[in-house]
Amino acid sequence: MRNQAKCRKCSAIIESFFEKDYVECKCGEISIEGGPGLFKSYAKDWDNFLRVDDEGNEIIIKVKEKDSESSKPMDNSNERPNTKELLETLDLMIQNMEGIPSHAMTNPVTHYDLAASLILLSSIFKSLTSGIHTEKHSVQIQ
């Protein structure tokens, strides 16, 4: 499906063709971006925003306001995931990679991708070794 929208205020139909393609209507009331793979939408007043499908049909959208409780960042600064949770995260990452289209699998990996993987693996190994203390490695302060 194409990323298209119509402004009820100025009647302009706008379309975003690629991920970083930010498009506004003539009057600036609505805007979209993300191309056909990522449907980001913005509006000053959502009553003026209509989604347009590939056949040109206008679709009235429903906007859900974010719950103030759910939009707060979680404070897990003192909680660390256990080994099982870390391994589940690693398995999920592998499943996500297996679901990537073949043309995307040939794209180069960024340093951000590599860093995220290394951080996860480091956390797993640290959690596995955190409970292991031998006399050789323990230090007693007198």
N, C-alpha and C. Protein backbone atom coordinates (compact mmCIF):
# COMPACT_ATOMS: atom_id res chain seq x y z
N MET A 1 0.83 -1.18 0.00
CA MET A 1 0.00 0.00 0.00
C MET A 1 0.88 1.25 0.00
N ARG A 2 0.48 2.22 -0.78
CA ARG A 2 1.21 3.47 -0.86
C ARG A 2 0.90 4.33 0.37
N ASN A 3 1.84 5.18 0.73
CA ASN A 3 1.68 6.07 1.88
C ASN A 3 1.11 7.39 1.38
N GLN A 4 -0.24 7.48 1.36
CA GLN A 4 -0.92 8.66 0.86
C GLN A 4 -1.92 9.16 1.90
N ALA A 5 -2.16 10.47 1.87
CA ALA A 5 -3.15 11.06 2.76
C ALA A 5 -3.78 12.26 2.05
N LYS A 6 -4.97 12.63 2.53
CA LYS A 6 -5.67 13.79 1.98
C LYS A 6 -6.03 14.74 3.11
N CYS A 7 -5.84 16.01 2.86
CA CYS A 7 -6.20 17.05 3.82
C CYS A 7 -7.62 17.51 3.52
N ARG A 8 -8.48 17.47 4.51
CA ARG A 8 -9.86 17.93 4.34
C ARG A 8 -9.92 19.46 4.23
N LYS A 9 -8.92 20.12 4.77
CA LYS A 9 -8.92 21.59 4.80
C LYS A 9 -8.59 22.17 3.42
N CYS A 10 -7.51 21.67 2.77
CA CYS A 10 -7.09 22.22 1.47
C CYS A 10 -7.31 21.25 0.31
N SER A 11 -7.81 20.04 0.61
CA SER A 11 -8.11 19.00 -0.39
C SER A 11 -6.89 18.44 -1.11
N ALA A 12 -5.69 18.74 -0.62
CA ALA A 12 -4.47 18.23 -1.24
C ALA A 12 -4.28 16.76 -0.89
N ILE A 13 -3.86 15.97 -1.88
CA ILE A 13 -3.47 14.57 -1.66
C ILE A 13 -1.96 14.54 -1.70
N ILE A 14 -1.36 14.02 -0.63
CA ILE A 14 0.10 13.97 -0.53
C ILE A 14 0.55 12.51 -0.47
N GLU A 15 1.79 12.27 -0.88
CA GLU A 15 2.33 10.91 -0.87
C GLU A 15 3.80 10.94 -0.49
N SER A 16 4.20 10.01 0.38
CA SER A 16 5.60 9.85 0.77
C SER A 16 6.13 8.62 0.06
N PHE A 17 7.27 8.77 -0.64
CA PHE A 17 7.78 7.69 -1.48
C PHE A 17 8.89 6.86 -0.84
N PHE A 18 9.60 7.42 0.15
CA PHE A 18 10.69 6.67 0.78
C PHE A 18 10.79 7.07 2.25
N GLU A 19 11.63 6.38 3.01
CA GLU A 19 11.68 6.51 4.46
C GLU A 19 11.87 7.94 4.96
N LYS A 20 12.76 8.69 4.40
CA LYS A 20 13.06 10.05 4.88
C LYS A 20 12.31 11.12 4.09
N ASP A 21 11.27 10.73 3.35
CA ASP A 21 10.49 11.64 2.53
C ASP A 21 9.35 12.23 3.35
N TYR A 22 9.57 13.44 3.90
CA TYR A 22 8.57 14.15 4.70
C TYR A 22 7.79 15.07 3.77
N VAL A 23 6.45 14.91 3.75
CA VAL A 23 5.62 15.68 2.83
C VAL A 23 4.48 16.34 3.61
N GLU A 24 4.27 17.65 3.36
CA GLU A 24 3.17 18.40 3.97
C GLU A 24 2.15 18.76 2.90
N CYS A 25 0.90 18.94 3.33
CA CYS A 25 -0.11 19.44 2.40
C CYS A 25 0.15 20.93 2.16
N LYS A 26 -0.65 21.53 1.24
CA LYS A 26 -0.45 22.94 0.87
C LYS A 26 -0.63 23.90 2.05
N CYS A 27 -1.60 23.59 2.92
CA CYS A 27 -1.89 24.51 4.03
C CYS A 27 -1.10 24.17 5.31
N GLY A 28 -0.36 23.05 5.31
CA GLY A 28 0.44 22.68 6.48
C GLY A 28 -0.35 22.00 7.58
N GLU A 29 -1.59 21.64 7.33
CA GLU A 29 -2.45 21.02 8.33
C GLU A 29 -2.05 19.57 8.63
N ILE A 30 -1.67 18.82 7.59
CA ILE A 30 -1.29 17.41 7.76
C ILE A 30 0.06 17.16 7.09
N SER A 31 0.70 16.08 7.51
CA SER A 31 1.95 15.66 6.87
C SER A 31 2.15 14.18 7.10
N ILE A 32 2.97 13.58 6.24
CA ILE A 32 3.29 12.16 6.34
C ILE A 32 4.76 11.96 6.00
N GLU A 33 5.28 10.80 6.39
CA GLU A 33 6.64 10.41 5.99
C GLU A 33 6.78 8.92 6.15
N GLY A 34 7.86 8.37 5.64
CA GLY A 34 8.17 6.96 5.83
C GLY A 34 8.00 6.10 4.61
N GLY A 35 7.45 6.62 3.54
CA GLY A 35 7.26 5.83 2.34
C GLY A 35 6.29 4.68 2.56
N PRO A 36 6.29 3.71 1.64
CA PRO A 36 5.33 2.61 1.73
C PRO A 36 5.61 1.62 2.86
N GLY A 37 6.77 1.68 3.47
CA GLY A 37 7.10 0.74 4.53
C GLY A 37 6.86 1.24 5.93
N LEU A 38 6.71 2.54 6.10
CA LEU A 38 6.58 3.12 7.43
C LEU A 38 5.61 4.29 7.35
N PHE A 39 4.43 4.13 7.92
CA PHE A 39 3.37 5.12 7.77
C PHE A 39 3.34 6.09 8.95
N LYS A 40 4.22 7.08 8.95
CA LYS A 40 4.20 8.10 9.99
C LYS A 40 3.28 9.22 9.54
N SER A 41 2.40 9.64 10.44
CA SER A 41 1.41 10.66 10.11
C SER A 41 1.42 11.74 11.18
N TYR A 42 1.17 12.97 10.75
CA TYR A 42 1.12 14.11 11.65
C TYR A 42 -0.06 14.99 11.26
N ALA A 43 -0.69 15.63 12.24
CA ALA A 43 -1.78 16.54 11.94
C ALA A 43 -1.96 17.53 13.07
N LYS A 44 -2.30 18.75 12.70
CA LYS A 44 -2.65 19.75 13.72
C LYS A 44 -4.01 19.40 14.30
N ASP A 45 -4.92 18.97 13.43
CA ASP A 45 -6.24 18.52 13.83
C ASP A 45 -6.54 17.23 13.07
N TRP A 46 -6.66 16.12 13.77
CA TRP A 46 -6.82 14.82 13.13
C TRP A 46 -8.14 14.69 12.37
N ASP A 47 -9.11 15.55 12.64
CA ASP A 47 -10.36 15.53 11.88
C ASP A 47 -10.12 15.92 10.42
N ASN A 48 -9.02 16.59 10.15
CA ASN A 48 -8.69 17.01 8.78
C ASN A 48 -7.81 15.99 8.05
N PHE A 49 -7.51 14.86 8.67
CA PHE A 49 -6.61 13.87 8.07
C PHE A 49 -7.41 12.69 7.54
N LEU A 50 -7.22 12.35 6.28
CA LEU A 50 -7.81 11.15 5.67
C LEU A 50 -6.69 10.33 5.07
N ARG A 51 -6.72 9.05 5.26
CA ARG A 51 -5.77 8.15 4.61
C ARG A 51 -6.35 7.81 3.23
N VAL A 52 -5.51 7.68 2.21
CA VAL A 52 -5.96 7.34 0.86
C VAL A 52 -5.31 6.01 0.47
N ASP A 53 -6.14 5.03 0.07
CA ASP A 53 -5.59 3.73 -0.32
C ASP A 53 -5.17 3.74 -1.79
N ASP A 54 -4.67 2.61 -2.27
CA ASP A 54 -4.13 2.53 -3.64
C ASP A 54 -5.18 2.76 -4.72
N GLU A 55 -6.46 2.52 -4.40
CA GLU A 55 -7.53 2.73 -5.37
C GLU A 55 -8.10 4.15 -5.30
N GLY A 56 -7.57 4.98 -4.41
CA GLY A 56 -8.04 6.35 -4.28
C GLY A 56 -9.17 6.53 -3.29
N ASN A 57 -9.53 5.46 -2.57
CA ASN A 57 -10.59 5.55 -1.57
C ASN A 57 -10.08 6.31 -0.35
N GLU A 58 -10.93 7.18 0.19
CA GLU A 58 -10.58 7.94 1.38
C GLU A 58 -10.99 7.14 2.61
N ILE A 59 -10.07 7.02 3.56
CA ILE A 59 -10.30 6.23 4.76
C ILE A 59 -10.22 7.15 5.97
N ILE A 60 -11.30 7.17 6.74
CA ILE A 60 -11.32 7.96 7.97
C ILE A 60 -10.55 7.18 9.03
N ILE A 61 -9.61 7.83 9.67
CA ILE A 61 -8.78 7.14 10.66
C ILE A 61 -9.32 7.37 12.07
N LYS A 62 -8.96 6.48 12.96
CA LYS A 62 -9.26 6.63 14.38
C LYS A 62 -7.95 6.90 15.09
N VAL A 63 -7.92 7.94 15.89
CA VAL A 63 -6.70 8.31 16.60
C VAL A 63 -6.87 7.94 18.07
N LYS A 64 -5.90 7.19 18.57
CA LYS A 64 -5.88 6.84 19.99
C LYS A 64 -4.87 7.73 20.68
N GLU A 65 -5.31 8.38 21.72
CA GLU A 65 -4.40 9.21 22.50
C GLU A 65 -3.56 8.31 23.38
N LYS A 66 -2.31 8.66 23.56
CA LYS A 66 -1.43 7.88 24.42
C LYS A 66 -1.86 8.03 25.86
N ASP A 67 -1.90 6.92 26.55
CA ASP A 67 -2.20 6.91 27.97
C ASP A 67 -1.01 7.53 28.69
N SER A 68 -1.26 8.46 29.59
CA SER A 68 -0.15 9.15 30.27
C SER A 68 0.70 8.16 31.06
N GLU A 69 0.09 7.11 31.59
CA GLU A 69 0.84 6.10 32.35
C GLU A 69 1.74 5.28 31.43
N SER A 70 1.22 4.91 30.24
CA SER A 70 2.00 4.08 29.34
C SER A 70 3.09 4.86 28.62
N SER A 71 2.95 6.19 28.55
CA SER A 71 3.96 6.98 27.85
C SER A 71 5.13 7.34 28.75
N LYS A 72 5.02 7.05 30.05
CA LYS A 72 6.13 7.33 30.95
C LYS A 72 7.21 6.27 30.77
N PRO A 73 8.48 6.67 30.77
CA PRO A 73 9.53 5.67 30.66
C PRO A 73 9.57 4.81 31.92
N MET A 74 9.85 3.55 31.72
CA MET A 74 9.92 2.64 32.86
C MET A 74 11.23 2.86 33.61
N ASP A 75 11.17 2.84 34.92
CA ASP A 75 12.36 3.01 35.72
C ASP A 75 12.85 1.63 36.17
N ASN A 76 13.70 1.05 35.35
CA ASN A 76 14.25 -0.26 35.65
C ASN A 76 15.75 -0.14 35.91
N SER A 77 16.18 1.01 36.42
CA SER A 77 17.61 1.24 36.57
C SER A 77 18.27 0.25 37.52
N ASN A 78 17.53 -0.26 38.51
CA ASN A 78 18.11 -1.19 39.47
C ASN A 78 17.87 -2.64 39.09
N GLU A 79 16.98 -2.88 38.14
CA GLU A 79 16.66 -4.24 37.75
C GLU A 79 17.48 -4.63 36.53
N ARG A 80 18.07 -5.79 36.60
CA ARG A 80 18.81 -6.32 35.47
C ARG A 80 18.09 -7.56 34.97
N PRO A 81 18.03 -7.74 33.66
CA PRO A 81 17.37 -8.94 33.16
C PRO A 81 18.17 -10.18 33.55
N ASN A 82 17.45 -11.27 33.78
CA ASN A 82 18.15 -12.51 34.12
C ASN A 82 18.61 -13.19 32.84
N THR A 83 19.34 -14.27 33.00
CA THR A 83 19.91 -14.99 31.85
C THR A 83 18.82 -15.47 30.90
N LYS A 84 17.73 -15.98 31.45
CA LYS A 84 16.65 -16.48 30.61
C LYS A 84 16.07 -15.36 29.75
N GLU A 85 15.84 -14.18 30.33
CA GLU A 85 15.29 -13.05 29.58
C GLU A 85 16.27 -12.59 28.50
N LEU A 86 17.55 -12.59 28.80
CA LEU A 86 18.56 -12.19 27.82
C LEU A 86 18.62 -13.17 26.65
N LEU A 87 18.54 -14.46 26.97
CA LEU A 87 18.56 -15.47 25.91
C LEU A 87 17.29 -15.39 25.06
N GLU A 88 16.15 -15.09 25.69
CA GLU A 88 14.91 -14.91 24.94
C GLU A 88 15.02 -13.72 24.00
N THR A 89 15.67 -12.65 24.44
CA THR A 89 15.89 -11.48 23.60
C THR A 89 16.77 -11.83 22.40
N LEU A 90 17.80 -12.61 22.66
CA LEU A 90 18.69 -13.05 21.58
C LEU A 90 17.92 -13.91 20.58
N ASP A 91 17.09 -14.83 21.07
CA ASP A 91 16.28 -15.67 20.18
C ASP A 91 15.32 -14.83 19.35
N LEU A 92 14.73 -13.81 19.96
CA LEU A 92 13.82 -12.92 19.24
C LEU A 92 14.56 -12.17 18.13
N MET A 93 15.78 -11.71 18.43
CA MET A 93 16.58 -11.03 17.42
C MET A 93 16.87 -11.96 16.25
N ILE A 94 17.17 -13.21 16.54
CA ILE A 94 17.44 -14.19 15.48
C ILE A 94 16.19 -14.43 14.65
N GLN A 95 15.03 -14.58 15.30
CA GLN A 95 13.77 -14.76 14.57
C GLN A 95 13.47 -13.57 13.67
N ASN A 96 13.72 -12.37 14.17
CA ASN A 96 13.49 -11.17 13.37
C ASN A 96 14.40 -11.14 12.16
N MET A 97 15.64 -11.55 12.34
CA MET A 97 16.58 -11.59 11.22
C MET A 97 16.14 -12.60 10.18
N GLU A 98 15.63 -13.75 10.62
CA GLU A 98 15.17 -14.78 9.68
C GLU A 98 13.96 -14.32 8.88
N GLY A 99 13.20 -13.35 9.41
CA GLY A 99 12.02 -12.86 8.73
C GLY A 99 12.29 -11.71 7.78
N ILE A 100 13.52 -11.26 7.70
CA ILE A 100 13.85 -10.13 6.83
C ILE A 100 13.84 -10.61 5.37
N PRO A 101 13.28 -9.80 4.46
CA PRO A 101 13.28 -10.19 3.04
C PRO A 101 14.70 -10.41 2.53
N SER A 102 14.81 -11.28 1.53
CA SER A 102 16.15 -11.66 1.04
C SER A 102 16.93 -10.46 0.51
N HIS A 103 16.26 -9.50 -0.12
CA HIS A 103 16.99 -8.34 -0.63
C HIS A 103 17.56 -7.49 0.51
N ALA A 104 16.90 -7.50 1.67
CA ALA A 104 17.40 -6.74 2.81
C ALA A 104 18.56 -7.47 3.49
N MET A 105 18.60 -8.78 3.38
CA MET A 105 19.68 -9.55 4.01
C MET A 105 21.03 -9.27 3.36
N THR A 106 21.02 -8.75 2.13
CA THR A 106 22.29 -8.46 1.46
C THR A 106 22.80 -7.06 1.76
N ASN A 107 22.00 -6.26 2.48
CA ASN A 107 22.45 -4.92 2.87
C ASN A 107 23.53 -5.02 3.94
N PRO A 108 24.46 -4.08 3.96
CA PRO A 108 25.50 -4.12 4.98
C PRO A 108 24.95 -3.85 6.38
N VAL A 109 25.60 -4.42 7.36
CA VAL A 109 25.24 -4.21 8.76
C VAL A 109 25.94 -2.94 9.23
N THR A 110 25.21 -2.10 9.97
CA THR A 110 25.81 -0.87 10.48
C THR A 110 26.53 -1.14 11.80
N HIS A 111 27.32 -0.20 12.22
CA HIS A 111 28.00 -0.33 13.51
C HIS A 111 27.00 -0.31 14.66
N TYR A 112 25.85 0.38 14.48
CA TYR A 112 24.80 0.37 15.50
C TYR A 112 24.25 -1.05 15.68
N ASP A 113 24.02 -1.73 14.56
CA ASP A 113 23.53 -3.10 14.62
C ASP A 113 24.54 -4.00 15.34
N LEU A 114 25.78 -3.86 14.97
CA LEU A 114 26.84 -4.67 15.57
C LEU A 114 26.98 -4.36 17.05
N ALA A 115 26.96 -3.08 17.41
CA ALA A 115 27.09 -2.70 18.82
C ALA A 115 25.94 -3.26 19.65
N ALA A 116 24.71 -3.20 19.13
CA ALA A 116 23.56 -3.73 19.87
C ALA A 116 23.72 -5.23 20.11
N SER A 117 24.19 -5.95 19.11
CA SER A 117 24.40 -7.39 19.25
C SER A 117 25.49 -7.70 20.27
N LEU A 118 26.58 -6.94 20.22
CA LEU A 118 27.68 -7.17 21.15
C LEU A 118 27.29 -6.84 22.58
N ILE A 119 26.51 -5.77 22.77
CA ILE A 119 26.04 -5.42 24.11
C ILE A 119 25.17 -6.53 24.68
N LEU A 120 24.28 -7.06 23.85
CA LEU A 120 23.40 -8.15 24.30
C LEU A 120 24.23 -9.39 24.67
N LEU A 121 25.15 -9.77 23.81
CA LEU A 121 25.99 -10.94 24.10
C LEU A 121 26.83 -10.72 25.36
N SER A 122 27.37 -9.53 25.53
CA SER A 122 28.15 -9.22 26.73
C SER A 122 27.28 -9.36 27.98
N SER A 123 26.05 -8.85 27.92
CA SER A 123 25.14 -8.96 29.06
C SER A 123 24.83 -10.41 29.39
N ILE A 124 24.65 -11.22 28.37
CA ILE A 124 24.37 -12.65 28.60
C ILE A 124 25.55 -13.31 29.29
N PHE A 125 26.75 -13.08 28.78
CA PHE A 125 27.93 -13.72 29.38
C PHE A 125 28.18 -13.21 30.80
N LYS A 126 27.94 -11.92 31.03
CA LYS A 126 28.10 -11.39 32.38
C LYS A 126 27.10 -12.01 33.35
N SER A 127 25.87 -12.21 32.89
CA SER A 127 24.85 -12.81 33.77
C SER A 127 25.17 -14.27 34.06
N LEU A 128 25.79 -14.94 33.10
CA LEU A 128 26.16 -16.34 33.31
C LEU A 128 27.30 -16.48 34.31
N THR A 129 28.20 -15.52 34.33
CA THR A 129 29.37 -15.62 35.20
C THR A 129 29.23 -14.85 36.50
N SER A 130 28.16 -14.08 36.66
CA SER A 130 28.03 -13.23 37.85
C SER A 130 27.90 -14.04 39.14
N GLY A 131 27.31 -15.22 39.06
CA GLY A 131 27.14 -16.02 40.27
C GLY A 131 28.29 -16.97 40.52
N ILE A 132 29.29 -17.00 39.65
CA ILE A 132 30.40 -17.94 39.80
C ILE A 132 31.58 -17.23 40.44
N HIS A 133 31.95 -17.65 41.63
CA HIS A 133 33.12 -17.08 42.31
C HIS A 133 33.96 -18.24 42.85
N THR A 134 35.18 -18.24 42.48
CA THR A 134 36.08 -19.26 43.00
C THR A 134 37.06 -18.59 43.95
N GLU A 135 37.77 -19.39 44.73
CA GLU A 135 38.73 -18.82 45.68
C GLU A 135 39.85 -18.08 44.97
N LYS A 136 40.20 -18.55 43.78
CA LYS A 136 41.27 -17.88 43.03
C LYS A 136 40.89 -16.45 42.70
N HIS A 137 39.61 -16.22 42.41
CA HIS A 137 39.17 -14.92 41.94
C HIS A 137 38.60 -14.03 43.03
N SER A 138 38.30 -14.59 44.17
CA SER A 138 37.71 -13.75 45.21
C SER A 138 38.81 -13.04 45.99
N VAL A 139 38.52 -11.82 46.39
CA VAL A 139 39.47 -10.99 47.13
C VAL A 139 38.83 -10.61 48.45
N GLN A 140 39.54 -10.84 49.52
CA GLN A 140 39.02 -10.47 50.82
C GLN A 140 39.82 -9.28 51.34
N ILE A 141 39.11 -8.28 51.81
CA ILE A 141 39.76 -7.08 52.35
C ILE A 141 39.72 -7.19 53.87
N GLN A 142 40.91 -7.03 54.49
CA GLN A 142 40.98 -7.13 55.96
C GLN A 142 41.14 -5.79 56.58
